[in-house]
Amino acid sequence: SLYQIQFSRGLDALPLAKELRRKVFITEQGFQNEFDDIDRTAWHVLISEGGFPCGTGRVFETPAGSGCYHLGRIAVERDYRKQHIGSLVLKKLEEKARELGARELQLSAQVQAQGFYEKNGYQAFGSTYPDEHVPHISMKKKV
């Protein structure tokens, strides 16, 4: 593909990924608590085209030693939506989790994105709950 794919343990090594998350989740969607301690130890992926950031996300094991990996903070630059960047981010995070020994993948989806994750093999469980002002649902997939 024409895309460059970079992985990093910890967000600081990928400033463009941090910027993209700030843009999508804080500026565009109004979240406030975007960055957390997990960012320091999680694996992050950045997909870019010609040096321009298109998509990002992170993956980490929780609880440690469980074989359950949580995917999250998946963001796609507005101009690149509907071009399967989200699926590519997901695929790369899943590959990384598998490489790290994942047996199960979980994520917390915005309810409006539930269909996207279902297309990618995830199943919803439990009931919806608010994260800040947005309804979310937990989803999982066996590796």
C-alpha atoms as a PDB file:
ATOM      1  CA  SER A   1       0.000   0.000   0.000  1.00  0.00           C
ATOM      2  CA  LEU A   2       0.998   3.656  -0.225  1.00  0.00           C
ATOM      3  CA  TYR A   3       0.673   4.001   3.524  1.00  0.00           C
ATOM      4  CA  GLN A   4       3.554   4.070   5.984  1.00  0.00           C
ATOM      5  CA  ILE A   5       2.941   2.106   9.173  1.00  0.00           C
ATOM      6  CA  GLN A   6       4.884   2.842  12.370  1.00  0.00           C
ATOM      7  CA  PHE A   7       4.607   1.150  15.749  1.00  0.00           C
ATOM      8  CA  SER A   8       5.862   2.525  19.019  1.00  0.00           C
ATOM      9  CA  ARG A   9       5.718   1.470  22.647  1.00  0.00           C
ATOM     10  CA  GLY A  10       4.571   4.652  24.357  1.00  0.00           C
ATOM     11  CA  LEU A  11       2.920   7.612  22.677  1.00  0.00           C
ATOM     12  CA  ASP A  12       5.758  10.123  23.025  1.00  0.00           C
ATOM     13  CA  ALA A  13       7.662   8.574  20.117  1.00  0.00           C
ATOM     14  CA  LEU A  14       4.718   9.262  17.786  1.00  0.00           C
ATOM     15  CA  PRO A  15       3.866  12.962  18.173  1.00  0.00           C
ATOM     16  CA  LEU A  16       1.740  12.906  15.007  1.00  0.00           C
ATOM     17  CA  ALA A  17      -0.450  10.165  16.521  1.00  0.00           C
ATOM     18  CA  LYS A  18      -0.914  12.305  19.624  1.00  0.00           C
ATOM     19  CA  GLU A  19      -1.834  15.295  17.477  1.00  0.00           C
ATOM     20  CA  LEU A  20      -4.355  13.254  15.460  1.00  0.00           C
ATOM     21  CA  ARG A  21      -6.061  12.011  18.628  1.00  0.00           C
ATOM     22  CA  ARG A  22      -6.192  15.562  19.985  1.00  0.00           C
ATOM     23  CA  LYS A  23      -7.785  16.736  16.741  1.00  0.00           C
ATOM     24  CA  VAL A  24     -10.389  13.969  16.467  1.00  0.00           C
ATOM     25  CA  PHE A  25     -11.370  13.313  20.085  1.00  0.00           C
ATOM     26  CA  ILE A  26     -10.877  16.694  21.760  1.00  0.00           C
ATOM     27  CA  THR A  27     -11.424  19.296  19.030  1.00  0.00           C
ATOM     28  CA  GLU A  28     -13.949  17.414  16.911  1.00  0.00           C
ATOM     29  CA  GLN A  29     -15.820  15.232  19.412  1.00  0.00           C
ATOM     30  CA  GLY A  30     -15.426  17.247  22.615  1.00  0.00           C
ATOM     31  CA  PHE A  31     -13.803  14.630  24.865  1.00  0.00           C
ATOM     32  CA  GLN A  32     -11.678  16.028  27.683  1.00  0.00           C
ATOM     33  CA  ASN A  33      -9.898  13.040  29.212  1.00  0.00           C
ATOM     34  CA  GLU A  34      -8.151  11.855  26.070  1.00  0.00           C
ATOM     35  CA  PHE A  35      -4.636  11.098  27.331  1.00  0.00           C
ATOM     36  CA  ASP A  36      -3.862   8.793  30.265  1.00  0.00           C
ATOM     37  CA  ASP A  37      -1.140   6.732  31.958  1.00  0.00           C
ATOM     38  CA  ILE A  38      -1.806   3.792  29.633  1.00  0.00           C
ATOM     39  CA  ASP A  39      -0.397   5.882  26.768  1.00  0.00           C
ATOM     40  CA  ARG A  40       3.089   5.493  28.264  1.00  0.00           C
ATOM     41  CA  THR A  41       3.134   1.693  28.080  1.00  0.00           C
ATOM     42  CA  ALA A  42       0.646   0.771  25.332  1.00  0.00           C
ATOM     43  CA  TRP A  43       1.685  -0.053  21.768  1.00  0.00           C
ATOM     44  CA  HIS A  44       0.592   2.668  19.348  1.00  0.00           C
ATOM     45  CA  VAL A  45       0.279   2.508  15.588  1.00  0.00           C
ATOM     46  CA  LEU A  46       0.428   5.460  13.201  1.00  0.00           C
ATOM     47  CA  ILE A  47      -0.643   5.131   9.593  1.00  0.00           C
ATOM     48  CA  SER A  48       0.473   7.979   7.395  1.00  0.00           C
ATOM     49  CA  GLU A  49       0.602   8.885   3.735  1.00  0.00           C
ATOM     50  CA  GLY A  50       3.512  10.978   2.528  1.00  0.00           C
ATOM     51  CA  GLY A  51       4.289  11.997   6.111  1.00  0.00           C
ATOM     52  CA  PHE A  52       0.699  13.055   6.779  1.00  0.00           C
ATOM     53  CA  PRO A  53      -1.058  11.243   9.662  1.00  0.00           C
ATOM     54  CA  CYS A  54      -4.211   9.377   8.552  1.00  0.00           C
ATOM     55  CA  GLY A  55      -5.018   6.959  11.359  1.00  0.00           C
ATOM     56  CA  THR A  56      -3.916   5.828  14.805  1.00  0.00           C
ATOM     57  CA  GLY A  57      -4.860   3.530  17.669  1.00  0.00           C
ATOM     58  CA  ARG A  58      -3.381   1.696  20.647  1.00  0.00           C
ATOM     59  CA  VAL A  59      -3.384  -1.783  22.170  1.00  0.00           C
ATOM     60  CA  PHE A  60      -2.447  -3.055  25.627  1.00  0.00           C
ATOM     61  CA  GLU A  61      -2.947  -6.170  27.758  1.00  0.00           C
ATOM     62  CA  THR A  62      -5.377  -5.878  30.664  1.00  0.00           C
ATOM     63  CA  PRO A  63      -5.159  -7.251  33.232  1.00  0.00           C
ATOM     64  CA  ALA A  64      -1.462  -8.062  32.815  1.00  0.00           C
ATOM     65  CA  GLY A  65      -0.881 -11.731  32.042  1.00  0.00           C
ATOM     66  CA  SER A  66      -4.519 -12.358  31.060  1.00  0.00           C
ATOM     67  CA  GLY A  67      -4.010 -12.740  27.310  1.00  0.00           C
ATOM     68  CA  CYS A  68      -6.822 -10.213  26.893  1.00  0.00           C
ATOM     69  CA  TYR A  69      -5.777  -7.169  24.858  1.00  0.00           C
ATOM     70  CA  HIS A  70      -7.740  -3.950  24.732  1.00  0.00           C
ATOM     71  CA  LEU A  71      -7.819  -1.891  21.526  1.00  0.00           C
ATOM     72  CA  GLY A  72      -8.730   1.743  21.677  1.00  0.00           C
ATOM     73  CA  ARG A  73      -8.237   5.409  20.847  1.00  0.00           C
ATOM     74  CA  ILE A  74      -8.789   4.552  17.193  1.00  0.00           C
ATOM     75  CA  ALA A  75      -8.925   7.811  15.264  1.00  0.00           C
ATOM     76  CA  VAL A  76      -8.997   8.577  11.547  1.00  0.00           C
ATOM     77  CA  GLU A  77      -8.260  11.994  10.041  1.00  0.00           C
ATOM     78  CA  ARG A  78     -11.478  13.516   8.666  1.00  0.00           C
ATOM     79  CA  ASP A  79     -10.250  13.667   5.044  1.00  0.00           C
ATOM     80  CA  TYR A  80      -9.387   9.950   5.116  1.00  0.00           C
ATOM     81  CA  ARG A  81     -12.693   8.585   6.425  1.00  0.00           C
ATOM     82  CA  LYS A  82     -14.549   6.040   4.294  1.00  0.00           C
ATOM     83  CA  GLN A  83     -11.217   4.886   2.825  1.00  0.00           C
ATOM     84  CA  HIS A  84     -10.833   1.802   5.059  1.00  0.00           C
ATOM     85  CA  ILE A  85      -8.129   3.420   7.215  1.00  0.00           C
ATOM     86  CA  GLY A  86     -10.077   2.443  10.337  1.00  0.00           C
ATOM     87  CA  SER A  87     -10.046  -1.210   9.259  1.00  0.00           C
ATOM     88  CA  LEU A  88      -6.316  -0.978   8.536  1.00  0.00           C
ATOM     89  CA  VAL A  89      -5.628   0.498  12.005  1.00  0.00           C
ATOM     90  CA  LEU A  90      -7.716  -2.301  13.529  1.00  0.00           C
ATOM     91  CA  LYS A  91      -5.923  -4.982  11.519  1.00  0.00           C
ATOM     92  CA  LYS A  92      -2.473  -3.684  12.493  1.00  0.00           C
ATOM     93  CA  LEU A  93      -3.424  -3.495  16.196  1.00  0.00           C
ATOM     94  CA  GLU A  94      -4.836  -7.034  16.036  1.00  0.00           C
ATOM     95  CA  GLU A  95      -1.613  -8.303  14.426  1.00  0.00           C
ATOM     96  CA  LYS A  96       0.444  -6.642  17.164  1.00  0.00           C
ATOM     97  CA  ALA A  97      -1.779  -8.145  19.892  1.00  0.00           C
ATOM     98  CA  ARG A  98      -1.450 -11.606  18.316  1.00  0.00           C
ATOM     99  CA  GLU A  99       2.322 -11.192  18.178  1.00  0.00           C
ATOM    100  CA  LEU A 100       2.242 -10.330  21.915  1.00  0.00           C
ATOM    101  CA  GLY A 101       0.247 -13.487  22.728  1.00  0.00           C
ATOM    102  CA  ALA A 102      -3.361 -12.271  22.752  1.00  0.00           C
ATOM    103  CA  ARG A 103      -6.136 -14.844  23.120  1.00  0.00           C
ATOM    104  CA  GLU A 104      -8.977 -12.363  23.147  1.00  0.00           C
ATOM    105  CA  LEU A 105      -9.430  -8.804  21.908  1.00  0.00           C
ATOM    106  CA  GLN A 106     -11.747  -6.312  23.561  1.00  0.00           C
ATOM    107  CA  LEU A 107     -12.707  -2.732  22.906  1.00  0.00           C
ATOM    108  CA  SER A 108     -15.111  -0.066  24.016  1.00  0.00           C
ATOM    109  CA  ALA A 109     -16.924   1.166  20.912  1.00  0.00           C
ATOM    110  CA  GLN A 110     -18.862   4.362  20.470  1.00  0.00           C
ATOM    111  CA  VAL A 111     -22.357   3.039  19.779  1.00  0.00           C
ATOM    112  CA  GLN A 112     -22.439   4.898  16.440  1.00  0.00           C
ATOM    113  CA  ALA A 113     -19.367   2.835  15.378  1.00  0.00           C
ATOM    114  CA  GLN A 114     -20.714  -0.539  16.562  1.00  0.00           C
ATOM    115  CA  GLY A 115     -21.604  -1.665  13.017  1.00  0.00           C
ATOM    116  CA  PHE A 116     -18.036  -0.998  11.858  1.00  0.00           C
ATOM    117  CA  TYR A 117     -16.627  -3.279  14.572  1.00  0.00           C
ATOM    118  CA  GLU A 118     -19.262  -5.962  13.905  1.00  0.00           C
ATOM    119  CA  LYS A 119     -18.160  -6.026  10.251  1.00  0.00           C
ATOM    120  CA  ASN A 120     -14.655  -6.646  11.577  1.00  0.00           C
ATOM    121  CA  GLY A 121     -15.741  -9.661  13.655  1.00  0.00           C
ATOM    122  CA  TYR A 122     -16.466  -8.124  17.070  1.00  0.00           C
ATOM    123  CA  GLN A 123     -19.496  -8.994  19.186  1.00  0.00           C
ATOM    124  CA  ALA A 124     -21.153  -6.658  21.651  1.00  0.00           C
ATOM    125  CA  PHE A 125     -21.676  -7.700  25.274  1.00  0.00           C
ATOM    126  CA  GLY A 126     -23.256  -6.044  28.313  1.00  0.00           C
ATOM    127  CA  SER A 127     -25.284  -2.867  28.144  1.00  0.00           C
ATOM    128  CA  THR A 128     -24.409   0.552  26.806  1.00  0.00           C
ATOM    129  CA  TYR A 129     -22.811   3.090  29.131  1.00  0.00           C
ATOM    130  CA  PRO A 130     -21.698   6.705  28.824  1.00  0.00           C
ATOM    131  CA  ASP A 131     -18.026   7.626  28.473  1.00  0.00           C
ATOM    132  CA  GLU A 132     -17.980  11.370  29.080  1.00  0.00           C
ATOM    133  CA  HIS A 133     -21.024  12.397  26.963  1.00  0.00           C
ATOM    134  CA  VAL A 134     -21.030   9.556  24.405  1.00  0.00           C
ATOM    135  CA  PRO A 135     -22.777   6.146  24.631  1.00  0.00           C
ATOM    136  CA  HIS A 136     -20.373   3.184  24.370  1.00  0.00           C
ATOM    137  CA  ILE A 137     -20.673  -0.599  24.230  1.00  0.00           C
ATOM    138  CA  SER A 138     -18.104  -3.262  25.125  1.00  0.00           C
ATOM    139  CA  MET A 139     -17.175  -5.629  22.306  1.00  0.00           C
ATOM    140  CA  LYS A 140     -14.935  -8.659  21.981  1.00  0.00           C
ATOM    141  CA  LYS A 141     -13.427 -11.052  19.480  1.00  0.00           C
ATOM    142  CA  LYS A 142     -11.506 -14.298  19.864  1.00  0.00           C
ATOM    143  CA  VAL A 143      -8.079 -14.251  18.247  1.00  0.00           C
END
